[in-house]
Amino acid sequence: MHFNHVYLDELGYELPSEVITSEDLEARLAPLYQRLHFQEGQLEALTGVHERRFWPADYAMYRGAVAAAEKALERSTVPRDAIGMLVFGGVCRDHLEPATSCAVAHGLGLPAPTQVFDLSNACLGVLNGMIQVANAIELGFIEAGLVVSCESARQIMDLTIQRLLAQGDMETFKKTVATLTGGSGAVAVILRRADPGEPGHRLLGAALRNAVSHHQLCRWGPDTGIPASAPHAMETDSVGVLKHGVTLGIETYRDFQQQMGWPADKPDRIICHQVGAAHQKTILQALGIPEEKDFVTYPYLGNIGTVSLPITAAIAHERQCLAPGDLVGFLGIGSGLNCLMLGFQW
């Protein structure tokens, strides 16, 4: 797919103040470590995650999304009353009904004609939301749109630790170690209509593929309310996700390169979904992308689900790691399995 009139206007993000280190989690898991003869530092060694952040226990997801969006709107060229579509793309939502986006739109004071809805697709929710907004802009339905998300790992982390201490076996640890990388945060992305050649971050196109035969490799449920109204469990076949995710990533990246028409040495920079050290190293080697082209946040933010990729892009832009004119790839993958890659001229 290709876009001619869509620009990424602004990014905003919000982070919780409470920092949780991998050492903190290991202290809570001390009885399990003793039982399984684990050494201290095992969690960081396995995942590359040193720390992550947690919202307060009673924090509502819409609050983080509003805070991130306000920051984006303050810096944006788009007036608030020009937002024609608002998408909340988070896995974590405040209720099954109504859509969390309703509370976000109310908190932002968006106008009545704004299309407001939630979109859920594991860690790809924000990228899928960006495509929805981009299509609406390209077709002339709206002039600008806003995609937001807020994720919380506190409750699922607490439940996972309780489960590990109660069951205390290696098999359960293998199924839940990915959950221990989880972090919390919020992000907002503003897209607007502009003509080709105008200065800014132009969305050039995207490519996507699925491998839905592997939809059972990672599951979190049963309901979506945060805090949950029923016991949650999250299990990940980390080896299977990595193996089949890399295969899907290679296939999608091949399509992406063809769609963009970029030479083999492009893009100049990439932003990937933030999973952990093993995933990053394996996928970059498989795609033939030098590590220096990547920008990572997982060592100090962990995996924030839908927030991870766009918040990493926001921080990379903030630190001037994305230069004007750079060809930039947003490389996303999520449970399901689904893969979506977006190409920008920064």
C-alpha atoms as a PDB file:
ATOM      1  CA  MET A   1       0.000   0.000   0.000  1.00  0.00           C
ATOM      2  CA  HIS A   2       1.149   3.545  -0.731  1.00  0.00           C
ATOM      3  CA  PHE A   3       0.267   6.990   0.606  1.00  0.00           C
ATOM      4  CA  ASN A   4       0.697  10.377  -1.054  1.00  0.00           C
ATOM      5  CA  HIS A   5      -0.812  12.843   1.409  1.00  0.00           C
ATOM      6  CA  VAL A   6      -0.149  11.479   4.910  1.00  0.00           C
ATOM      7  CA  TYR A   7       2.372  12.956   7.319  1.00  0.00           C
ATOM      8  CA  LEU A   8       3.271  12.036  10.878  1.00  0.00           C
ATOM      9  CA  ASP A   9       2.830  15.411  12.514  1.00  0.00           C
ATOM     10  CA  GLU A  10       3.732  14.763  16.147  1.00  0.00           C
ATOM     11  CA  LEU A  11       4.418  12.123  18.801  1.00  0.00           C
ATOM     12  CA  GLY A  12       3.778  12.362  22.533  1.00  0.00           C
ATOM     13  CA  TYR A  13       4.359   9.981  25.413  1.00  0.00           C
ATOM     14  CA  GLU A  14       3.860   9.569  29.146  1.00  0.00           C
ATOM     15  CA  LEU A  15       5.826   7.296  31.485  1.00  0.00           C
ATOM     16  CA  PRO A  16       4.987   6.196  35.035  1.00  0.00           C
ATOM     17  CA  SER A  17       7.286   7.406  37.800  1.00  0.00           C
ATOM     18  CA  GLU A  18       7.645   4.019  39.523  1.00  0.00           C
ATOM     19  CA  VAL A  19      10.697   2.124  38.264  1.00  0.00           C
ATOM     20  CA  ILE A  20      10.861  -1.657  38.793  1.00  0.00           C
ATOM     21  CA  THR A  21      14.230  -3.309  38.185  1.00  0.00           C
ATOM     22  CA  SER A  22      14.782  -6.926  37.264  1.00  0.00           C
ATOM     23  CA  GLU A  23      16.525  -7.226  40.641  1.00  0.00           C
ATOM     24  CA  ASP A  24      13.280  -6.115  42.314  1.00  0.00           C
ATOM     25  CA  LEU A  25      11.373  -8.896  40.564  1.00  0.00           C
ATOM     26  CA  GLU A  26      14.032 -11.462  41.385  1.00  0.00           C
ATOM     27  CA  ALA A  27      13.794 -10.514  45.067  1.00  0.00           C
ATOM     28  CA  ARG A  28      10.080 -11.348  44.946  1.00  0.00           C
ATOM     29  CA  LEU A  29      10.880 -14.601  43.153  1.00  0.00           C
ATOM     30  CA  ALA A  30      13.622 -15.636  45.602  1.00  0.00           C
ATOM     31  CA  PRO A  31      11.872 -18.872  46.712  1.00  0.00           C
ATOM     32  CA  LEU A  32      11.486 -19.916  43.063  1.00  0.00           C
ATOM     33  CA  TYR A  33      15.118 -19.075  42.314  1.00  0.00           C
ATOM     34  CA  GLN A  34      16.249 -21.202  45.245  1.00  0.00           C
ATOM     35  CA  ARG A  35      14.049 -24.102  44.169  1.00  0.00           C
ATOM     36  CA  LEU A  36      15.275 -24.005  40.559  1.00  0.00           C
ATOM     37  CA  HIS A  37      18.888 -23.151  41.496  1.00  0.00           C
ATOM     38  CA  PHE A  38      18.855 -19.901  39.494  1.00  0.00           C
ATOM     39  CA  GLN A  39      21.612 -17.336  39.973  1.00  0.00           C
ATOM     40  CA  GLU A  40      20.808 -13.685  40.654  1.00  0.00           C
ATOM     41  CA  GLY A  41      20.772 -11.674  37.436  1.00  0.00           C
ATOM     42  CA  GLN A  42      19.234 -14.519  35.431  1.00  0.00           C
ATOM     43  CA  LEU A  43      16.233 -12.464  34.300  1.00  0.00           C
ATOM     44  CA  GLU A  44      18.274  -9.627  32.842  1.00  0.00           C
ATOM     45  CA  ALA A  45      20.730 -12.075  31.309  1.00  0.00           C
ATOM     46  CA  LEU A  46      17.897 -13.893  29.524  1.00  0.00           C
ATOM     47  CA  THR A  47      15.981 -10.834  28.330  1.00  0.00           C
ATOM     48  CA  GLY A  48      18.317  -7.838  28.288  1.00  0.00           C
ATOM     49  CA  VAL A  49      15.740  -5.894  30.324  1.00  0.00           C
ATOM     50  CA  HIS A  50      17.252  -4.022  33.287  1.00  0.00           C
ATOM     51  CA  GLU A  51      14.149  -2.108  34.360  1.00  0.00           C
ATOM     52  CA  ARG A  52      10.584  -1.219  33.459  1.00  0.00           C
ATOM     53  CA  ARG A  53       7.889   1.089  34.857  1.00  0.00           C
ATOM     54  CA  PHE A  54       4.509   0.579  36.512  1.00  0.00           C
ATOM     55  CA  TRP A  55       1.435   2.782  36.838  1.00  0.00           C
ATOM     56  CA  PRO A  56      -0.265   2.921  40.252  1.00  0.00           C
ATOM     57  CA  ALA A  57      -2.539  -0.056  40.897  1.00  0.00           C
ATOM     58  CA  ASP A  58      -5.767   1.886  40.283  1.00  0.00           C
ATOM     59  CA  TYR A  59      -4.547   3.893  37.276  1.00  0.00           C
ATOM     60  CA  ALA A  60      -7.035   4.144  34.401  1.00  0.00           C
ATOM     61  CA  MET A  61      -5.743   3.604  30.883  1.00  0.00           C
ATOM     62  CA  TYR A  62      -7.571   6.606  29.459  1.00  0.00           C
ATOM     63  CA  ARG A  63      -5.629   8.900  31.813  1.00  0.00           C
ATOM     64  CA  GLY A  64      -2.264   7.921  30.365  1.00  0.00           C
ATOM     65  CA  ALA A  65      -3.584   8.208  26.821  1.00  0.00           C
ATOM     66  CA  VAL A  66      -4.959  11.701  27.519  1.00  0.00           C
ATOM     67  CA  ALA A  67      -1.654  12.815  29.054  1.00  0.00           C
ATOM     68  CA  ALA A  68       0.349  11.567  26.049  1.00  0.00           C
ATOM     69  CA  ALA A  69      -2.112  13.114  23.581  1.00  0.00           C
ATOM     70  CA  GLU A  70      -2.014  16.495  25.345  1.00  0.00           C
ATOM     71  CA  LYS A  71       1.764  16.561  24.925  1.00  0.00           C
ATOM     72  CA  ALA A  72       1.464  15.727  21.239  1.00  0.00           C
ATOM     73  CA  LEU A  73      -1.262  18.338  20.679  1.00  0.00           C
ATOM     74  CA  GLU A  74       0.761  21.049  22.427  1.00  0.00           C
ATOM     75  CA  ARG A  75       3.534  20.645  19.849  1.00  0.00           C
ATOM     76  CA  SER A  76       1.327  19.872  16.859  1.00  0.00           C
ATOM     77  CA  THR A  77       0.409  22.029  13.896  1.00  0.00           C
ATOM     78  CA  VAL A  78      -3.044  20.394  13.995  1.00  0.00           C
ATOM     79  CA  PRO A  79      -5.732  22.244  15.996  1.00  0.00           C
ATOM     80  CA  ARG A  80      -7.764  20.102  18.372  1.00  0.00           C
ATOM     81  CA  ASP A  81     -11.028  20.679  16.506  1.00  0.00           C
ATOM     82  CA  ALA A  82      -9.448  19.347  13.277  1.00  0.00           C
ATOM     83  CA  ILE A  83      -9.021  15.817  14.683  1.00  0.00           C
ATOM     84  CA  GLY A  84     -11.456  13.771  12.600  1.00  0.00           C
ATOM     85  CA  MET A  85     -10.650  10.334  14.015  1.00  0.00           C
ATOM     86  CA  LEU A  86      -9.448   9.032  17.378  1.00  0.00           C
ATOM     87  CA  VAL A  87      -8.287   5.418  17.725  1.00  0.00           C
ATOM     88  CA  PHE A  88      -7.337   3.781  21.024  1.00  0.00           C
ATOM     89  CA  GLY A  89      -5.095   0.881  20.052  1.00  0.00           C
ATOM     90  CA  GLY A  90      -4.140  -0.615  23.411  1.00  0.00           C
ATOM     91  CA  VAL A  91      -4.398  -4.211  24.568  1.00  0.00           C
ATOM     92  CA  CYS A  92      -5.283  -2.876  28.036  1.00  0.00           C
ATOM     93  CA  ARG A  93      -8.655  -1.141  28.103  1.00  0.00           C
ATOM     94  CA  ASP A  94     -10.615   0.239  31.033  1.00  0.00           C
ATOM     95  CA  HIS A  95     -13.814  -1.692  30.218  1.00  0.00           C
ATOM     96  CA  LEU A  96     -15.182  -4.132  27.707  1.00  0.00           C
ATOM     97  CA  GLU A  97     -17.779  -1.419  27.039  1.00  0.00           C
ATOM     98  CA  PRO A  98     -17.762   1.481  26.291  1.00  0.00           C
ATOM     99  CA  ALA A  99     -14.652   1.948  24.187  1.00  0.00           C
ATOM    100  CA  THR A 100     -11.771   3.478  26.139  1.00  0.00           C
ATOM    101  CA  SER A 101     -11.431   5.955  23.279  1.00  0.00           C
ATOM    102  CA  CYS A 102     -14.668   7.564  24.454  1.00  0.00           C
ATOM    103  CA  ALA A 103     -13.096   8.548  27.770  1.00  0.00           C
ATOM    104  CA  VAL A 104      -9.978   9.754  25.922  1.00  0.00           C
ATOM    105  CA  ALA A 105     -12.020  11.896  23.514  1.00  0.00           C
ATOM    106  CA  HIS A 106     -13.961  13.369  26.427  1.00  0.00           C
ATOM    107  CA  GLY A 107     -10.753  14.100  28.324  1.00  0.00           C
ATOM    108  CA  LEU A 108      -9.288  15.864  25.298  1.00  0.00           C
ATOM    109  CA  GLY A 109     -12.456  17.796  24.494  1.00  0.00           C
ATOM    110  CA  LEU A 110     -12.586  16.564  20.895  1.00  0.00           C
ATOM    111  CA  PRO A 111     -15.490  17.732  18.729  1.00  0.00           C
ATOM    112  CA  ALA A 112     -18.707  15.729  18.251  1.00  0.00           C
ATOM    113  CA  PRO A 113     -18.037  14.810  14.563  1.00  0.00           C
ATOM    114  CA  THR A 114     -14.821  12.946  15.530  1.00  0.00           C
ATOM    115  CA  GLN A 115     -14.939   9.204  14.772  1.00  0.00           C
ATOM    116  CA  VAL A 116     -14.067   7.477  18.048  1.00  0.00           C
ATOM    117  CA  PHE A 117     -13.301   3.768  18.458  1.00  0.00           C
ATOM    118  CA  ASP A 118     -10.969   1.139  19.943  1.00  0.00           C
ATOM    119  CA  LEU A 119      -8.874  -1.200  17.816  1.00  0.00           C
ATOM    120  CA  SER A 120      -7.277  -4.349  19.221  1.00  0.00           C
ATOM    121  CA  ASN A 121      -4.573  -6.444  17.565  1.00  0.00           C
ATOM    122  CA  ALA A 122      -2.023  -7.416  20.224  1.00  0.00           C
ATOM    123  CA  CYS A 123       1.176  -5.345  19.949  1.00  0.00           C
ATOM    124  CA  LEU A 124       0.234  -3.966  16.510  1.00  0.00           C
ATOM    125  CA  GLY A 125      -2.762  -1.920  17.705  1.00  0.00           C
ATOM    126  CA  VAL A 126      -1.153   1.505  17.303  1.00  0.00           C
ATOM    127  CA  LEU A 127       0.349   0.707  13.888  1.00  0.00           C
ATOM    128  CA  ASN A 128      -3.005  -0.675  12.700  1.00  0.00           C
ATOM    129  CA  GLY A 129      -4.649   2.476  14.021  1.00  0.00           C
ATOM    130  CA  MET A 130      -2.184   4.592  12.067  1.00  0.00           C
ATOM    131  CA  ILE A 131      -3.137   2.741   8.879  1.00  0.00           C
ATOM    132  CA  GLN A 132      -6.850   3.346   9.595  1.00  0.00           C
ATOM    133  CA  VAL A 133      -6.217   7.071  10.051  1.00  0.00           C
ATOM    134  CA  ALA A 134      -3.887   7.223   7.039  1.00  0.00           C
ATOM    135  CA  ASN A 135      -6.492   5.603   4.792  1.00  0.00           C
ATOM    136  CA  ALA A 136      -9.126   8.090   5.949  1.00  0.00           C
ATOM    137  CA  ILE A 137      -6.761  10.991   5.255  1.00  0.00           C
ATOM    138  CA  GLU A 138      -5.736   9.642   1.855  1.00  0.00           C
ATOM    139  CA  LEU A 139      -9.386   9.194   0.838  1.00  0.00           C
ATOM    140  CA  GLY A 140     -10.219  12.739   1.925  1.00  0.00           C
ATOM    141  CA  PHE A 141     -12.565  11.711   4.740  1.00  0.00           C
ATOM    142  CA  ILE A 142     -10.580  13.588   7.397  1.00  0.00           C
ATOM    143  CA  GLU A 143      -7.771  16.131   7.555  1.00  0.00           C
ATOM    144  CA  ALA A 144      -6.070  14.722  10.650  1.00  0.00           C
ATOM    145  CA  GLY A 145      -6.348  11.892  13.150  1.00  0.00           C
ATOM    146  CA  LEU A 146      -4.995  10.774  16.489  1.00  0.00           C
ATOM    147  CA  VAL A 147      -3.915   7.280  17.581  1.00  0.00           C
ATOM    148  CA  VAL A 148      -3.326   6.666  21.291  1.00  0.00           C
ATOM    149  CA  SER A 149      -2.551   3.798  23.620  1.00  0.00           C
ATOM    150  CA  CYS A 150      -1.815   3.121  27.260  1.00  0.00           C
ATOM    151  CA  GLU A 151      -0.606  -0.201  28.616  1.00  0.00           C
ATOM    152  CA  SER A 152      -0.180  -1.518  32.167  1.00  0.00           C
ATOM    153  CA  ALA A 153       1.909  -4.526  33.208  1.00  0.00           C
ATOM    154  CA  ARG A 154       1.498  -4.267  36.988  1.00  0.00           C
ATOM    155  CA  GLN A 155      -1.454  -6.603  37.501  1.00  0.00           C
ATOM    156  CA  ILE A 156      -0.398  -9.319  35.074  1.00  0.00           C
ATOM    157  CA  MET A 157       3.110  -9.184  36.577  1.00  0.00           C
ATOM    158  CA  ASP A 158       1.717  -9.604  40.126  1.00  0.00           C
ATOM    159  CA  LEU A 159      -0.475 -12.518  39.038  1.00  0.00           C
ATOM    160  CA  THR A 160       2.410 -14.156  37.199  1.00  0.00           C
ATOM    161  CA  ILE A 161       4.703 -13.923  40.222  1.00  0.00           C
ATOM    162  CA  GLN A 162       1.982 -15.409  42.434  1.00  0.00           C
ATOM    163  CA  ARG A 163       1.587 -18.268  39.963  1.00  0.00           C
ATOM    164  CA  LEU A 164       5.330 -18.891  39.750  1.00  0.00           C
ATOM    165  CA  LEU A 165       5.684 -19.002  43.533  1.00  0.00           C
ATOM    166  CA  ALA A 166       2.708 -21.343  43.843  1.00  0.00           C
ATOM    167  CA  GLN A 167       3.706 -23.779  41.080  1.00  0.00           C
ATOM    168  CA  GLY A 168       7.461 -23.389  41.230  1.00  0.00           C
ATOM    169  CA  ASP A 169       8.422 -25.466  38.199  1.00  0.00           C
ATOM    170  CA  MET A 170      10.648 -24.827  35.204  1.00  0.00           C
ATOM    171  CA  GLU A 171       7.873 -25.338  32.659  1.00  0.00           C
ATOM    172  CA  THR A 172       5.779 -22.528  34.139  1.00  0.00           C
ATOM    173  CA  PHE A 173       8.835 -20.256  34.225  1.00  0.00           C
ATOM    174  CA  LYS A 174       9.477 -20.911  30.524  1.00  0.00           C
ATOM    175  CA  LYS A 175       5.869 -20.039  29.682  1.00  0.00           C
ATOM    176  CA  THR A 176       5.866 -16.832  31.713  1.00  0.00           C
ATOM    177  CA  VAL A 177       9.380 -15.377  31.478  1.00  0.00           C
ATOM    178  CA  ALA A 178       8.271 -13.126  28.601  1.00  0.00           C
ATOM    179  CA  THR A 179       5.588 -11.664  30.881  1.00  0.00           C
ATOM    180  CA  LEU A 180       8.319 -10.591  33.320  1.00  0.00           C
ATOM    181  CA  THR A 181       9.691  -8.197  30.676  1.00  0.00           C
ATOM    182  CA  GLY A 182       6.441  -6.195  30.634  1.00  0.00           C
ATOM    183  CA  GLY A 183       6.412  -2.457  31.252  1.00  0.00           C
ATOM    184  CA  SER A 184       3.883   0.371  31.318  1.00  0.00           C
ATOM    185  CA  GLY A 185       3.505   3.634  29.416  1.00  0.00           C
ATOM    186  CA  ALA A 186       1.336   5.681  27.070  1.00  0.00           C
ATOM    187  CA  VAL A 187       1.803   7.160  23.603  1.00  0.00           C
ATOM    188  CA  ALA A 188       0.021   9.365  21.069  1.00  0.00           C
ATOM    189  CA  VAL A 189       0.557   9.773  17.310  1.00  0.00           C
ATOM    190  CA  ILE A 190      -0.926  12.615  15.254  1.00  0.00           C
ATOM    191  CA  LEU A 191      -1.231  12.150  11.490  1.00  0.00           C
ATOM    192  CA  ARG A 192      -2.269  14.947   9.115  1.00  0.00           C
ATOM    193  CA  ARG A 193      -2.929  15.625   5.463  1.00  0.00           C
ATOM    194  CA  ALA A 194      -0.251  17.428   3.454  1.00  0.00           C
ATOM    195  CA  ASP A 195       0.944  17.589  -0.117  1.00  0.00           C
ATOM    196  CA  PRO A 196       4.065  15.690  -1.247  1.00  0.00           C
ATOM    197  CA  GLY A 197       7.172  17.829  -0.923  1.00  0.00           C
ATOM    198  CA  GLU A 198       6.061  19.644   2.184  1.00  0.00           C
ATOM    199  CA  PRO A 199       8.548  19.450   5.078  1.00  0.00           C
ATOM    200  CA  GLY A 200       7.815  16.823   7.698  1.00  0.00           C
ATOM    201  CA  HIS A 201       7.700  13.090   8.256  1.00  0.00           C
ATOM    202  CA  ARG A 202       5.905  11.633   5.259  1.00  0.00           C
ATOM    203  CA  LEU A 203       4.299   8.185   5.479  1.00  0.00           C
ATOM    204  CA  LEU A 204       5.247   6.535   2.184  1.00  0.00           C
ATOM    205  CA  GLY A 205       3.574   3.154   2.504  1.00  0.00           C
ATOM    206  CA  ALA A 206       3.272  -0.123   4.353  1.00  0.00           C
ATOM    207  CA  ALA A 207       3.384  -3.891   3.942  1.00  0.00           C
ATOM    208  CA  LEU A 208       1.727  -6.575   6.039  1.00  0.00           C
ATOM    209  CA  ARG A 209       1.452 -10.337   6.341  1.00  0.00           C
ATOM    210  CA  ASN A 210      -0.039 -12.793   8.796  1.00  0.00           C
ATOM    211  CA  ALA A 211       0.785 -16.296  10.026  1.00  0.00           C
ATOM    212  CA  VAL A 212      -2.425 -16.937  11.941  1.00  0.00           C
ATOM    213  CA  SER A 213      -1.825 -20.673  12.182  1.00  0.00           C
ATOM    214  CA  HIS A 214       0.385 -19.667  15.118  1.00  0.00           C
ATOM    215  CA  HIS A 215      -2.289 -17.708  16.984  1.00  0.00           C
ATOM    216  CA  GLN A 216      -1.924 -19.829  20.137  1.00  0.00           C
ATOM    217  CA  LEU A 217       1.749 -19.068  20.757  1.00  0.00           C
ATOM    218  CA  CYS A 218       1.022 -16.098  23.026  1.00  0.00           C
ATOM    219  CA  ARG A 219      -2.196 -15.567  24.979  1.00  0.00           C
ATOM    220  CA  TRP A 220      -3.357 -13.109  27.642  1.00  0.00           C
ATOM    221  CA  GLY A 221      -6.821 -13.135  29.108  1.00  0.00           C
ATOM    222  CA  PRO A 222      -9.621 -13.795  29.645  1.00  0.00           C
ATOM    223  CA  ASP A 223     -11.099 -10.265  29.762  1.00  0.00           C
ATOM    224  CA  THR A 224      -9.734  -6.820  28.905  1.00  0.00           C
ATOM    225  CA  GLY A 225     -10.541  -4.648  31.889  1.00  0.00           C
ATOM    226  CA  ILE A 226      -7.536  -3.196  33.725  1.00  0.00           C
ATOM    227  CA  PRO A 227      -7.618  -3.958  36.632  1.00  0.00           C
ATOM    228  CA  ALA A 228      -9.107  -7.270  35.542  1.00  0.00           C
ATOM    229  CA  SER A 229     -12.445  -8.431  36.882  1.00  0.00           C
ATOM    230  CA  ALA A 230     -11.396 -12.086  36.520  1.00  0.00           C
ATOM    231  CA  PRO A 231      -8.032 -13.815  37.067  1.00  0.00           C
ATOM    232  CA  HIS A 232      -5.661 -13.130  34.223  1.00  0.00           C
ATOM    233  CA  ALA A 233      -3.016 -15.461  32.863  1.00  0.00           C
ATOM    234  CA  MET A 234      -0.410 -14.785  30.221  1.00  0.00           C
ATOM    235  CA  GLU A 235       1.629 -17.515  28.556  1.00  0.00           C
ATOM    236  CA  THR A 236       4.144 -17.262  25.733  1.00  0.00           C
ATOM    237  CA  ASP A 237       5.945 -19.951  23.794  1.00  0.00           C
ATOM    238  CA  SER A 238       9.037 -17.753  23.487  1.00  0.00           C
ATOM    239  CA  VAL A 239      10.934 -20.198  21.282  1.00  0.00           C
ATOM    240  CA  GLY A 240       7.957 -20.635  18.949  1.00  0.00           C
ATOM    241  CA  VAL A 241       7.267 -16.904  18.773  1.00  0.00           C
ATOM    242  CA  LEU A 242      10.888 -16.189  17.904  1.00  0.00           C
ATOM    243  CA  LYS A 243      11.144 -18.979  15.312  1.00  0.00           C
ATOM    244  CA  HIS A 244       7.896 -18.298  13.476  1.00  0.00           C
ATOM    245  CA  GLY A 245       8.057 -14.540  14.072  1.00  0.00           C
ATOM    246  CA  VAL A 246      11.421 -14.345  12.352  1.00  0.00           C
ATOM    247  CA  THR A 247      10.102 -16.315   9.372  1.00  0.00           C
ATOM    248  CA  LEU A 248       7.111 -13.988   9.123  1.00  0.00           C
ATOM    249  CA  GLY A 249       9.381 -10.963   9.552  1.00  0.00           C
ATOM    250  CA  ILE A 250      11.606 -12.045   6.688  1.00  0.00           C
ATOM    251  CA  GLU A 251       8.630 -12.540   4.376  1.00  0.00           C
ATOM    252  CA  THR A 252       7.067  -9.200   5.349  1.00  0.00           C
ATOM    253  CA  TYR A 253      10.360  -7.322   5.040  1.00  0.00           C
ATOM    254  CA  ARG A 254      10.824  -8.711   1.532  1.00  0.00           C
ATOM    255  CA  ASP A 255       7.369  -7.375   0.603  1.00  0.00           C
ATOM    256  CA  PHE A 256       8.130  -4.105   2.378  1.00  0.00           C
ATOM    257  CA  GLN A 257      11.328  -3.504   0.401  1.00  0.00           C
ATOM    258  CA  GLN A 258       9.453  -4.145  -2.840  1.00  0.00           C
ATOM    259  CA  GLN A 259       6.556  -1.874  -1.864  1.00  0.00           C
ATOM    260  CA  MET A 260       8.893   0.960  -0.901  1.00  0.00           C
ATOM    261  CA  GLY A 261      11.183   0.451  -3.883  1.00  0.00           C
ATOM    262  CA  TRP A 262      14.179   1.027  -1.640  1.00  0.00           C
ATOM    263  CA  PRO A 263      17.687  -0.232  -2.481  1.00  0.00           C
ATOM    264  CA  ALA A 264      19.278  -2.966  -0.372  1.00  0.00           C
ATOM    265  CA  ASP A 265      21.122  -0.484   1.881  1.00  0.00           C
ATOM    266  CA  LYS A 266      17.885   1.234   2.952  1.00  0.00           C
ATOM    267  CA  PRO A 267      16.169   2.121   5.257  1.00  0.00           C
ATOM    268  CA  ASP A 268      18.630   4.427   6.988  1.00  0.00           C
ATOM    269  CA  ARG A 269      17.114   3.798  10.435  1.00  0.00           C
ATOM    270  CA  ILE A 270      14.616   1.337  11.874  1.00  0.00           C
ATOM    271  CA  ILE A 271      12.366   1.238  14.911  1.00  0.00           C
ATOM    272  CA  CYS A 272      11.283  -2.265  15.936  1.00  0.00           C
ATOM    273  CA  HIS A 273       8.764  -3.580  18.408  1.00  0.00           C
ATOM    274  CA  GLN A 274      10.685  -3.893  21.681  1.00  0.00           C
ATOM    275  CA  VAL A 275      10.717  -7.496  22.889  1.00  0.00           C
ATOM    276  CA  GLY A 276      14.197  -8.188  24.238  1.00  0.00           C
ATOM    277  CA  ALA A 277      17.833  -8.833  23.408  1.00  0.00           C
ATOM    278  CA  ALA A 278      17.478 -12.275  21.822  1.00  0.00           C
ATOM    279  CA  HIS A 279      14.617 -11.199  19.551  1.00  0.00           C
ATOM    280  CA  GLN A 280      16.378  -8.015  18.445  1.00  0.00           C
ATOM    281  CA  LYS A 281      19.642  -9.751  17.605  1.00  0.00           C
ATOM    282  CA  THR A 282      17.975 -12.653  15.793  1.00  0.00           C
ATOM    283  CA  ILE A 283      15.577 -10.573  13.694  1.00  0.00           C
ATOM    284  CA  LEU A 284      18.227  -8.041  12.647  1.00  0.00           C
ATOM    285  CA  GLN A 285      20.587 -10.820  11.577  1.00  0.00           C
ATOM    286  CA  ALA A 286      17.790 -12.547   9.675  1.00  0.00           C
ATOM    287  CA  LEU A 287      16.865  -9.343   7.832  1.00  0.00           C
ATOM    288  CA  GLY A 288      20.477  -8.373   7.189  1.00  0.00           C
ATOM    289  CA  ILE A 289      20.117  -5.038   9.007  1.00  0.00           C
ATOM    290  CA  PRO A 290      23.165  -3.699  10.900  1.00  0.00           C
ATOM    291  CA  GLU A 291      22.530  -3.164  14.616  1.00  0.00           C
ATOM    292  CA  GLU A 292      23.670   0.455  14.386  1.00  0.00           C
ATOM    293  CA  LYS A 293      20.565   1.266  12.314  1.00  0.00           C
ATOM    294  CA  ASP A 294      18.284   0.238  15.185  1.00  0.00           C
ATOM    295  CA  PHE A 295      17.271   2.266  18.227  1.00  0.00           C
ATOM    296  CA  VAL A 296      16.210   0.374  21.335  1.00  0.00           C
ATOM    297  CA  THR A 297      14.420   1.147  24.601  1.00  0.00           C
ATOM    298  CA  TYR A 298      13.688  -2.340  25.977  1.00  0.00           C
ATOM    299  CA  PRO A 299      16.669  -2.324  28.419  1.00  0.00           C
ATOM    300  CA  TYR A 300      15.045   0.455  30.483  1.00  0.00           C
ATOM    301  CA  LEU A 301      11.370   0.350  29.454  1.00  0.00           C
ATOM    302  CA  GLY A 302      10.764  -3.362  28.862  1.00  0.00           C
ATOM    303  CA  ASN A 303       8.038  -4.511  26.476  1.00  0.00           C
ATOM    304  CA  ILE A 304       5.101  -2.052  26.641  1.00  0.00           C
ATOM    305  CA  GLY A 305       3.019  -3.857  24.025  1.00  0.00           C
ATOM    306  CA  THR A 306       1.392  -1.461  21.569  1.00  0.00           C
ATOM    307  CA  VAL A 307       3.221   1.487  23.127  1.00  0.00           C
ATOM    308  CA  SER A 308       6.728   0.068  22.613  1.00  0.00           C
ATOM    309  CA  LEU A 309       7.370   0.875  18.961  1.00  0.00           C
ATOM    310  CA  PRO A 310       5.858   4.393  18.808  1.00  0.00           C
ATOM    311  CA  ILE A 311       7.358   5.451  22.165  1.00  0.00           C
ATOM    312  CA  THR A 312      10.745   4.251  20.929  1.00  0.00           C
ATOM    313  CA  ALA A 313      10.264   6.324  17.778  1.00  0.00           C
ATOM    314  CA  ALA A 314       9.315   9.346  19.903  1.00  0.00           C
ATOM    315  CA  ILE A 315      12.438   8.998  22.049  1.00  0.00           C
ATOM    316  CA  ALA A 316      14.653   8.430  18.998  1.00  0.00           C
ATOM    317  CA  HIS A 317      13.236  11.600  17.414  1.00  0.00           C
ATOM    318  CA  GLU A 318      13.618  13.495  20.685  1.00  0.00           C
ATOM    319  CA  ARG A 319      17.290  12.512  20.818  1.00  0.00           C
ATOM    320  CA  GLN A 320      17.777  13.509  17.151  1.00  0.00           C
ATOM    321  CA  CYS A 321      18.600   9.958  16.088  1.00  0.00           C
ATOM    322  CA  LEU A 322      16.206  10.303  13.130  1.00  0.00           C
ATOM    323  CA  ALA A 323      17.576  12.922  10.747  1.00  0.00           C
ATOM    324  CA  PRO A 324      15.519  14.939   8.231  1.00  0.00           C
ATOM    325  CA  GLY A 325      15.370  13.027   4.965  1.00  0.00           C
ATOM    326  CA  ASP A 326      16.151   9.643   6.538  1.00  0.00           C
ATOM    327  CA  LEU A 327      14.210   6.676   5.196  1.00  0.00           C
ATOM    328  CA  VAL A 328      12.830   5.077   8.347  1.00  0.00           C
ATOM    329  CA  GLY A 329      11.129   1.715   8.830  1.00  0.00           C
ATOM    330  CA  PHE A 330       8.716   0.967  11.649  1.00  0.00           C
ATOM    331  CA  LEU A 331       8.884  -2.835  11.946  1.00  0.00           C
ATOM    332  CA  GLY A 332       6.048  -4.252  14.036  1.00  0.00           C
ATOM    333  CA  ILE A 333       5.039  -7.772  14.962  1.00  0.00           C
ATOM    334  CA  GLY A 334       2.359  -9.028  17.312  1.00  0.00           C
ATOM    335  CA  SER A 335       0.748 -12.166  18.643  1.00  0.00           C
ATOM    336  CA  GLY A 336      -1.482 -13.833  16.153  1.00  0.00           C
ATOM    337  CA  LEU A 337       1.001 -13.800  14.376  1.00  0.00           C
ATOM    338  CA  ASN A 338       0.720 -10.517  12.471  1.00  0.00           C
ATOM    339  CA  CYS A 339       3.428  -8.327  11.001  1.00  0.00           C
ATOM    340  CA  LEU A 340       3.091  -4.736   9.772  1.00  0.00           C
ATOM    341  CA  MET A 341       5.872  -2.481   8.503  1.00  0.00           C
ATOM    342  CA  LEU A 342       5.541   1.246   7.799  1.00  0.00           C
ATOM    343  CA  GLY A 343       7.954   3.318   5.715  1.00  0.00           C
ATOM    344  CA  PHE A 344       8.615   7.029   6.293  1.00  0.00           C
ATOM    345  CA  GLN A 345      10.736   9.739   4.774  1.00  0.00           C
ATOM    346  CA  TRP A 346      11.682  11.630   7.895  1.00  0.00           C
END
